[in-house]
Amino acid sequence: MESLGREIGGQLRAGDLVVLTGPLGAGKTTLTRGIGDALGVRGPITSPTFVLARTHPSLSGGPELVHVDAYRVANAMELDDLDIDFAASVVVAEWGRGLIESETDSWLEVEIARPEGAGEEFDPSDAPEEPRKVTITGHGERWGATT
């Protein structure tokens, strides 16, 4: 997942939004870690579950990475309270489907599915690496069609 994140991150620029969807333990934060690596931002990149959003400044003069966990964000007003500069940043939003896309005209949607049988008690740090099915869909003029 981290390698895929680096591939995606290499195509991103300021103003880009990536919406990540997938169950617990699917690899959303790991993918974001790869994106951050490609963008050359300050880390470490960890889940922003309790702070809702973390900003990682660029170490190379590029855009900052804003990593959002929208799981506990109930509506667009709460999202607006996070005061995210969508135009100047690359924003990666976990659990953002149906909530954050209205902030831009173009975005990438990355849906990650992990193997069946890994229930909510699944702890990805205890498990061997498992294959994931990843579907990347581009929306809007910037991304055109499905990638």
Protein backbone atom coordinates (compact mmCIF):
# COMPACT_ATOMS: atom_id res chain seq x y z
CA MET A 1 0.00 0.00 0.00
CA GLU A 2 2.86 2.36 0.75
CA SER A 3 4.36 1.75 -2.70
CA LEU A 4 1.02 2.48 -4.35
CA GLY A 5 0.81 5.65 -2.27
CA ARG A 6 4.18 6.77 -3.63
CA GLU A 7 2.91 6.19 -7.19
CA ILE A 8 -0.24 8.22 -6.53
CA GLY A 9 1.69 10.90 -4.64
CA GLY A 10 4.01 11.39 -7.58
CA GLN A 11 1.04 12.63 -9.62
CA LEU A 12 -0.42 14.99 -7.03
CA ARG A 13 -0.11 18.75 -6.81
CA ALA A 14 -1.54 21.59 -4.73
CA GLY A 15 -5.33 21.61 -4.91
CA ASP A 16 -5.68 17.84 -5.29
CA LEU A 17 -8.07 15.84 -3.12
CA VAL A 18 -7.80 12.09 -2.57
CA VAL A 19 -10.76 10.39 -0.86
CA LEU A 20 -9.90 7.03 0.75
CA THR A 21 -12.57 4.45 1.45
CA GLY A 22 -12.13 1.05 3.04
CA PRO A 23 -12.71 -0.89 6.25
CA LEU A 24 -10.56 -0.71 9.36
CA GLY A 25 -7.15 -2.17 8.66
CA ALA A 26 -7.47 -1.83 4.89
CA GLY A 27 -4.33 0.30 4.58
CA LYS A 28 -5.65 3.86 4.23
CA THR A 29 -3.05 5.39 6.53
CA THR A 30 -0.28 3.25 5.02
CA LEU A 31 -1.28 4.50 1.56
CA THR A 32 -1.20 8.06 2.91
CA ARG A 33 2.30 7.44 4.30
CA GLY A 34 3.43 6.61 0.75
CA ILE A 35 1.75 9.73 -0.63
CA GLY A 36 3.54 11.81 1.99
CA ASP A 37 6.85 10.18 1.09
CA ALA A 38 6.36 11.06 -2.59
CA LEU A 39 5.42 14.64 -1.71
CA GLY A 40 8.44 15.02 0.56
CA VAL A 41 6.53 16.13 3.64
CA ARG A 42 7.50 16.04 7.30
CA GLY A 43 6.33 12.93 9.13
CA PRO A 44 5.63 10.66 10.73
CA ILE A 45 2.26 10.12 9.11
CA THR A 46 -0.12 8.44 11.53
CA SER A 47 -3.89 8.20 11.66
CA PRO A 48 -5.50 11.56 12.52
CA THR A 49 -8.46 9.82 14.18
CA PHE A 50 -8.43 11.84 17.39
CA VAL A 51 -7.35 15.21 15.98
CA LEU A 52 -9.45 14.91 12.77
CA ALA A 53 -6.77 16.53 10.59
CA ARG A 54 -2.98 16.70 10.59
CA THR A 55 -0.93 19.03 8.43
CA HIS A 56 2.44 17.82 7.19
CA PRO A 57 4.56 20.69 5.80
CA SER A 58 6.68 20.12 2.74
CA LEU A 59 10.40 19.65 3.25
CA SER A 60 11.09 20.38 -0.42
CA GLY A 61 9.08 23.51 -1.25
CA GLY A 62 6.04 21.59 -2.54
CA PRO A 63 2.50 21.60 -1.22
CA GLU A 64 1.77 20.52 2.32
CA LEU A 65 -0.20 17.33 2.95
CA VAL A 66 -3.37 17.60 5.00
CA HIS A 67 -4.41 14.16 6.26
CA VAL A 68 -8.05 14.12 7.37
CA ASP A 69 -10.03 11.45 9.20
CA ALA A 70 -13.63 12.37 8.42
CA TYR A 71 -15.14 9.44 10.34
CA ARG A 72 -16.38 11.68 13.17
CA VAL A 73 -17.18 14.68 10.96
CA ALA A 74 -20.96 14.86 10.77
CA ASN A 75 -21.52 17.52 8.13
CA ALA A 76 -19.99 20.13 5.85
CA MET A 77 -20.07 22.80 8.59
CA GLU A 78 -17.87 20.68 10.85
CA LEU A 79 -15.54 20.09 7.92
CA ASP A 80 -15.39 23.83 7.31
CA ASP A 81 -14.40 24.33 10.97
CA LEU A 82 -11.18 22.43 10.23
CA ASP A 83 -10.14 25.44 8.10
CA ILE A 84 -8.36 23.39 5.44
CA ASP A 85 -6.70 25.30 2.60
CA PHE A 86 -7.80 23.00 -0.22
CA ALA A 87 -6.27 25.18 -2.95
CA ALA A 88 -2.73 25.22 -1.54
CA SER A 89 -2.54 21.68 -0.14
CA VAL A 90 -2.84 18.07 -1.15
CA VAL A 91 -5.70 16.75 0.97
CA VAL A 92 -6.08 13.04 1.70
CA ALA A 93 -9.35 12.23 3.46
CA GLU A 94 -10.04 8.89 5.08
CA TRP A 95 -13.76 8.11 5.45
CA GLY A 96 -14.56 11.22 3.40
CA ARG A 97 -16.85 9.73 0.75
CA GLY A 98 -20.08 11.71 0.42
CA LEU A 99 -18.82 14.52 2.63
CA ILE A 100 -15.67 16.14 1.32
CA GLU A 101 -16.04 15.94 -2.46
CA SER A 102 -18.11 19.12 -2.49
CA GLU A 103 -14.93 21.06 -1.63
CA THR A 104 -13.53 20.68 -5.16
CA ASP A 105 -14.50 20.02 -8.76
CA SER A 106 -12.00 17.18 -9.23
CA TRP A 107 -10.81 14.40 -6.93
CA LEU A 108 -9.43 10.90 -6.85
CA GLU A 109 -11.42 8.24 -5.07
CA VAL A 110 -9.41 5.28 -3.83
CA GLU A 111 -11.42 2.33 -2.57
CA ILE A 112 -9.48 -0.37 -0.74
CA ALA A 113 -10.92 -3.81 -0.04
CA ARG A 114 -9.11 -6.29 2.18
CA PRO A 115 -9.70 -10.04 2.18
CA GLU A 116 -12.92 -11.39 3.65
CA GLY A 117 -12.83 -12.91 7.09
CA ALA A 118 -10.86 -10.14 8.76
CA GLY A 119 -13.49 -8.84 11.17
CA GLU A 120 -13.56 -5.63 13.18
CA GLU A 121 -11.16 -7.19 15.68
CA PHE A 122 -8.56 -7.35 12.91
CA ASP A 123 -5.22 -5.85 13.95
CA PRO A 124 -3.15 -5.21 10.81
CA SER A 125 0.10 -5.10 12.81
CA ASP A 126 -0.38 -8.75 13.84
CA ALA A 127 -1.22 -10.10 10.41
CA PRO A 128 1.02 -11.02 7.51
CA GLU A 129 0.77 -8.77 4.48
CA GLU A 130 -2.48 -9.52 2.71
CA PRO A 131 -3.42 -8.64 -0.85
CA ARG A 132 -5.77 -5.72 -1.30
CA LYS A 133 -8.09 -4.88 -4.14
CA VAL A 134 -7.74 -1.18 -4.94
CA THR A 135 -10.04 0.72 -7.26
CA ILE A 136 -9.00 4.24 -8.24
CA THR A 137 -11.60 6.47 -9.86
CA GLY A 138 -10.92 9.95 -11.16
CA HIS A 139 -13.66 12.59 -10.97
CA GLY A 140 -13.81 15.96 -12.65
CA GLU A 141 -11.74 17.71 -15.27
CA ARG A 142 -8.35 17.16 -13.56
CA TRP A 143 -8.68 13.36 -13.51
CA GLY A 144 -11.12 12.75 -16.34
CA ALA A 145 -12.19 9.13 -16.35
CA THR A 146 -11.38 6.06 -14.29
CA THR A 147 -7.66 5.49 -13.81
